[in-house]
Amino acid sequence: MLARRELPQAYLEWNRRWAAPFGSDWTRRVGRRWWTRPIVASLVGPFAFQGNNDTRCFEYPWAFDALQVRPGLNALEIGGSLSGFQFVLDRAGCRVVNVDPATESEAYWPLDRPTFDLLNRRFGTRVTLKQCMIQEADLPSDHFDRVVSISVIEHIPPDDLRVLLEHVRRVLKPGGLFVLTVDLFLDLQPFSTLTQNKFGTNISIERLVRESGLTRIGGDPQELHGFPEFNATRLLEARDDYYVGRGWPVMVQTLVLAKPL
């Protein structure tokens, strides 16, 4: 489905609890250089260290709910950078690995071992960072109960995406879930003649599902680009019903895939 404009009360409460998606009001009261100090880090919150589009106010609580989080789960986040979501999963009792080859977060904090280790200490978490492509991360097969990717897939070139999907399928346990959100850019096809912008492309979700080898258990084909049921004109006519990002003009597609038993 597509993210709706009206957030459920449970999502508003989740965002309030974790100061998502931009960090707390303390981010405006305290200079950035102080944010990683012991007391200040907890005041600004785990979401202060990664830049976001405002659509994350839907994506984060939706993903947390879709993951069916419970203590003891092995969780893999793809492209987590310095997002607070991985630290929240850890605080909820999951054993979390973040695979991200980047060296800089969207908020211009360095994505490096010292910074990551420091945030783990500040938030009392033990998230593991694998700063490489997923195929280079030496992840065991049939190991993860959950894999999550929040607005990352649309930035990955097609050949790399196929490799990523192969490894997601490999590392998931049978019955495990792949929960993902995918940006739908309103300045690209099928809404305009452009095929790519500086952020990425509008990928076919139907093809993604097919090439993943996983089973779609969540996500409405009428609201997922690439499915025959998807109708761009009808979607634009109902635009006011959906959450459209202010940072850049996107809607957010959400889906849940499962590895067959």
Protein backbone atom coordinates (compact mmCIF):
# COMPACT_ATOMS: atom_id res chain seq x y z
CA MET A 1 0.00 0.00 0.00
CA LEU A 2 0.94 3.66 -0.14
CA ALA A 3 1.58 5.71 2.98
CA ARG A 4 -1.56 7.62 3.96
CA ARG A 5 -1.67 11.30 4.87
CA GLU A 6 -3.49 10.70 8.16
CA LEU A 7 -1.19 8.85 10.54
CA PRO A 8 -2.75 6.31 12.90
CA GLN A 9 -2.65 7.29 16.55
CA ALA A 10 -0.29 4.39 17.26
CA TYR A 11 2.20 5.80 14.72
CA LEU A 12 2.02 9.26 16.30
CA GLU A 13 2.71 7.73 19.70
CA TRP A 14 5.62 5.66 18.35
CA ASN A 15 7.18 8.77 16.80
CA ARG A 16 6.69 10.69 20.03
CA ARG A 17 8.31 7.95 22.09
CA TRP A 18 11.42 7.78 19.92
CA ALA A 19 11.54 11.42 18.74
CA ALA A 20 11.27 10.22 15.16
CA PRO A 21 11.98 10.99 12.42
CA PHE A 22 14.20 14.04 13.08
CA GLY A 23 15.20 13.84 16.74
CA SER A 24 13.73 15.80 19.62
CA ASP A 25 13.40 19.54 20.10
CA TRP A 26 16.78 19.43 21.82
CA THR A 27 18.40 19.27 18.36
CA ARG A 28 17.53 22.97 17.99
CA ARG A 29 18.57 23.93 21.50
CA VAL A 30 21.98 22.26 21.62
CA GLY A 31 24.83 22.66 19.13
CA ARG A 32 25.47 19.67 16.92
CA ARG A 33 28.98 19.16 18.28
CA TRP A 34 27.43 18.29 21.68
CA TRP A 35 24.94 15.71 20.44
CA THR A 36 27.17 12.69 21.03
CA ARG A 37 27.88 13.64 24.67
CA PRO A 38 26.52 11.12 27.20
CA ILE A 39 23.45 13.02 28.42
CA VAL A 40 22.79 15.03 25.26
CA ALA A 41 22.65 11.95 22.99
CA SER A 42 19.70 10.59 24.95
CA LEU A 43 18.03 14.02 24.86
CA VAL A 44 18.25 14.46 21.07
CA GLY A 45 17.37 10.80 20.52
CA PRO A 46 18.58 8.11 18.09
CA PHE A 47 16.94 9.71 15.04
CA ALA A 48 18.91 12.96 15.25
CA PHE A 49 21.97 11.62 13.44
CA GLN A 50 20.50 10.72 10.05
CA GLY A 51 18.83 13.11 7.60
CA ASN A 52 15.35 12.07 6.47
CA ASN A 53 12.47 13.01 4.28
CA ASP A 54 9.39 13.65 6.41
CA THR A 55 7.74 10.54 4.94
CA ARG A 56 9.72 8.61 7.58
CA CYS A 57 7.09 9.65 10.13
CA PHE A 58 4.98 6.98 8.43
CA GLU A 59 7.73 4.59 7.35
CA TYR A 60 9.41 4.01 10.70
CA PRO A 61 6.37 3.07 12.78
CA TRP A 62 4.86 1.15 9.86
CA ALA A 63 8.05 -0.90 9.42
CA PHE A 64 8.33 -1.56 13.15
CA ASP A 65 4.75 -2.85 13.17
CA ALA A 66 5.18 -4.90 9.98
CA LEU A 67 8.33 -6.55 11.35
CA GLN A 68 6.31 -8.02 14.23
CA VAL A 69 9.20 -7.16 16.53
CA ARG A 70 9.85 -9.28 19.59
CA PRO A 71 12.91 -9.98 21.74
CA GLY A 72 15.41 -12.50 20.41
CA LEU A 73 14.87 -11.92 16.69
CA ASN A 74 17.88 -11.68 14.37
CA ALA A 75 17.29 -8.57 12.26
CA LEU A 76 19.21 -7.23 9.25
CA GLU A 77 18.80 -3.63 8.11
CA ILE A 78 19.93 -2.82 4.58
CA GLY A 79 21.29 0.70 4.13
CA GLY A 80 20.65 1.73 7.72
CA SER A 81 23.44 4.35 7.75
CA LEU A 82 23.08 6.19 11.10
CA SER A 83 19.31 5.90 11.22
CA GLY A 84 17.81 5.52 14.65
CA PHE A 85 15.65 2.62 13.49
CA GLN A 86 18.40 0.04 14.00
CA PHE A 87 18.98 1.26 17.57
CA VAL A 88 15.25 1.07 18.32
CA LEU A 89 15.18 -2.54 17.07
CA ASP A 90 18.09 -3.33 19.38
CA ARG A 91 16.37 -1.64 22.31
CA ALA A 92 13.32 -3.82 21.55
CA GLY A 93 15.47 -6.92 22.08
CA CYS A 94 16.56 -7.79 18.54
CA ARG A 95 20.09 -8.74 17.51
CA VAL A 96 20.70 -6.23 14.73
CA VAL A 97 23.16 -6.05 11.83
CA ASN A 98 23.31 -2.98 9.59
CA VAL A 99 24.83 -3.51 6.12
CA ASP A 100 25.70 -0.22 4.44
CA PRO A 101 28.70 0.49 2.17
CA ALA A 102 28.44 4.28 2.59
CA THR A 103 31.00 6.42 4.40
CA GLU A 104 28.77 9.43 5.14
CA SER A 105 25.23 9.74 6.44
CA GLU A 106 22.65 12.03 4.89
CA ALA A 107 23.07 14.38 7.84
CA TYR A 108 26.83 14.66 7.12
CA TRP A 109 27.89 12.71 10.17
CA PRO A 110 30.66 10.27 9.21
CA LEU A 111 29.47 6.70 8.89
CA ASP A 112 32.57 5.11 10.36
CA ARG A 113 33.45 2.69 13.12
CA PRO A 114 34.29 5.29 15.81
CA THR A 115 31.03 7.20 15.27
CA PHE A 116 28.97 4.02 15.14
CA ASP A 117 30.59 2.55 18.24
CA LEU A 118 30.04 5.83 20.05
CA LEU A 119 26.32 5.84 19.25
CA ASN A 120 26.04 2.24 20.41
CA ARG A 121 27.55 3.25 23.73
CA ARG A 122 25.32 6.30 24.08
CA PHE A 123 22.12 4.37 23.38
CA GLY A 124 23.13 1.23 25.28
CA THR A 125 22.89 -0.89 22.12
CA ARG A 126 25.02 -3.49 20.35
CA VAL A 127 24.16 -3.06 16.67
CA THR A 128 26.78 -4.54 14.32
CA LEU A 129 27.86 -2.41 11.35
CA LYS A 130 29.00 -4.17 8.17
CA GLN A 131 30.35 -1.35 6.02
CA CYS A 132 30.23 -3.15 2.69
CA MET A 133 27.86 -4.57 0.07
CA ILE A 134 25.66 -7.40 1.31
CA GLN A 135 27.53 -9.98 -0.81
CA GLU A 136 30.75 -8.99 0.96
CA ALA A 137 29.32 -9.07 4.50
CA ASP A 138 29.88 -12.80 5.13
CA LEU A 139 26.36 -13.23 6.47
CA PRO A 140 25.26 -16.79 7.30
CA SER A 141 22.49 -18.44 5.30
CA ASP A 142 19.05 -19.03 6.84
CA HIS A 143 20.01 -16.85 9.80
CA PHE A 144 17.83 -13.74 9.94
CA ASP A 145 14.23 -13.71 11.09
CA ARG A 146 13.70 -10.25 9.64
CA VAL A 147 15.26 -8.06 6.94
CA VAL A 148 14.24 -4.43 6.63
CA SER A 149 15.00 -1.78 4.01
CA ILE A 150 13.60 1.72 4.38
CA SER A 151 13.67 3.84 1.20
CA VAL A 152 16.88 2.29 -0.10
CA ILE A 153 15.91 -0.06 -2.93
CA GLU A 154 15.06 2.72 -5.40
CA HIS A 155 18.65 4.04 -5.22
CA ILE A 156 20.27 0.73 -6.24
CA PRO A 157 21.22 -0.01 -9.89
CA PRO A 158 19.30 -2.98 -11.40
CA ASP A 159 22.25 -5.41 -11.53
CA ASP A 160 23.21 -4.65 -7.92
CA LEU A 161 19.58 -4.98 -6.87
CA ARG A 162 19.33 -8.48 -8.31
CA VAL A 163 22.41 -9.49 -6.33
CA LEU A 164 21.00 -7.92 -3.19
CA LEU A 165 17.71 -9.79 -3.57
CA GLU A 166 19.57 -13.08 -4.02
CA HIS A 167 21.37 -12.54 -0.73
CA VAL A 168 18.24 -11.40 1.10
CA ARG A 169 16.60 -14.67 0.10
CA ARG A 170 19.71 -16.61 1.15
CA VAL A 171 20.14 -15.06 4.60
CA LEU A 172 16.45 -15.14 5.58
CA LYS A 173 15.22 -18.08 7.59
CA PRO A 174 12.32 -20.01 6.03
CA GLY A 175 9.23 -18.11 7.08
CA GLY A 176 11.30 -14.96 7.67
CA LEU A 177 10.03 -11.54 6.58
CA PHE A 178 11.49 -8.92 4.26
CA VAL A 179 9.85 -5.59 5.12
CA LEU A 180 10.55 -2.68 2.83
CA THR A 181 9.45 0.77 1.78
CA VAL A 182 10.21 2.09 -1.70
CA ASP A 183 9.94 5.71 -2.81
CA LEU A 184 7.63 6.47 -5.72
CA PHE A 185 8.99 9.63 -7.37
CA LEU A 186 6.28 11.90 -8.74
CA ASP A 187 8.70 13.62 -11.15
CA LEU A 188 9.53 10.37 -13.01
CA GLN A 189 7.72 7.88 -15.22
CA PRO A 190 4.87 7.01 -15.17
CA PHE A 191 4.06 10.56 -14.00
CA SER A 192 6.43 12.32 -16.44
CA THR A 193 8.76 11.49 -19.32
CA LEU A 194 11.86 11.39 -17.11
CA THR A 195 13.26 8.01 -16.13
CA GLN A 196 15.77 9.03 -13.46
CA ASN A 197 16.49 11.86 -11.03
CA LYS A 198 19.40 12.48 -8.66
CA PHE A 199 17.92 10.08 -6.10
CA GLY A 200 17.08 7.06 -8.26
CA THR A 201 14.33 5.56 -10.40
CA ASN A 202 10.80 4.26 -10.08
CA ILE A 203 11.47 0.55 -10.05
CA SER A 204 8.90 -2.10 -10.89
CA ILE A 205 7.73 -3.60 -7.61
CA GLU A 206 6.20 -6.50 -9.54
CA ARG A 207 9.62 -7.33 -10.97
CA LEU A 208 11.26 -6.90 -7.57
CA VAL A 209 8.86 -9.41 -6.04
CA ARG A 210 9.29 -11.84 -8.91
CA GLU A 211 13.09 -11.68 -8.87
CA SER A 212 13.26 -11.94 -5.08
CA GLY A 213 11.87 -15.48 -5.06
CA LEU A 214 9.83 -14.45 -2.02
CA THR A 215 6.08 -14.41 -1.48
CA ARG A 216 4.20 -11.12 -1.21
CA ILE A 217 2.06 -11.20 1.93
CA GLY A 218 1.55 -7.44 2.32
CA GLY A 219 1.12 -4.63 -0.19
CA ASP A 220 -1.75 -3.64 -2.48
CA PRO A 221 -0.95 -4.21 -6.21
CA GLN A 222 -3.15 -1.22 -7.07
CA GLU A 223 -0.65 0.99 -5.21
CA LEU A 224 2.59 -0.73 -6.24
CA HIS A 225 4.31 0.44 -9.42
CA GLY A 226 4.75 -2.28 -12.05
CA PHE A 227 1.70 -4.39 -11.22
CA PRO A 228 -1.05 -4.44 -13.88
CA GLU A 229 -3.52 -3.09 -11.33
CA PHE A 230 -1.43 0.05 -10.75
CA ASN A 231 -3.02 3.14 -12.30
CA ALA A 232 -0.96 6.34 -12.12
CA THR A 233 -3.80 8.61 -13.21
CA ARG A 234 -6.17 7.27 -10.56
CA LEU A 235 -3.45 7.60 -7.95
CA LEU A 236 -2.82 11.26 -8.77
CA GLU A 237 -6.54 11.99 -8.65
CA ALA A 238 -6.52 10.69 -5.06
CA ARG A 239 -3.23 12.39 -4.20
CA ASP A 240 -4.68 14.22 -1.19
CA ASP A 241 -5.28 10.87 0.50
CA TYR A 242 -1.59 9.98 0.46
CA TYR A 243 1.48 11.24 2.26
CA VAL A 244 3.66 13.21 -0.19
CA GLY A 245 7.15 14.09 0.99
CA ARG A 246 8.07 17.73 1.43
CA GLY A 247 11.82 17.10 1.25
CA TRP A 248 11.31 15.77 -2.27
CA PRO A 249 8.06 14.84 -4.04
CA VAL A 250 7.55 11.15 -3.36
CA MET A 251 4.87 8.80 -2.20
CA VAL A 252 5.94 5.74 -0.24
CA GLN A 253 5.15 2.19 -1.32
CA THR A 254 5.14 -0.44 1.42
CA LEU A 255 5.24 -4.21 1.13
CA VAL A 256 6.05 -7.33 3.09
CA LEU A 257 7.62 -10.43 1.55
CA ALA A 258 8.12 -13.82 3.17
CA LYS A 259 10.56 -16.63 2.46
CA PRO A 260 8.62 -19.85 1.80
CA LEU A 261 8.85 -22.57 4.41
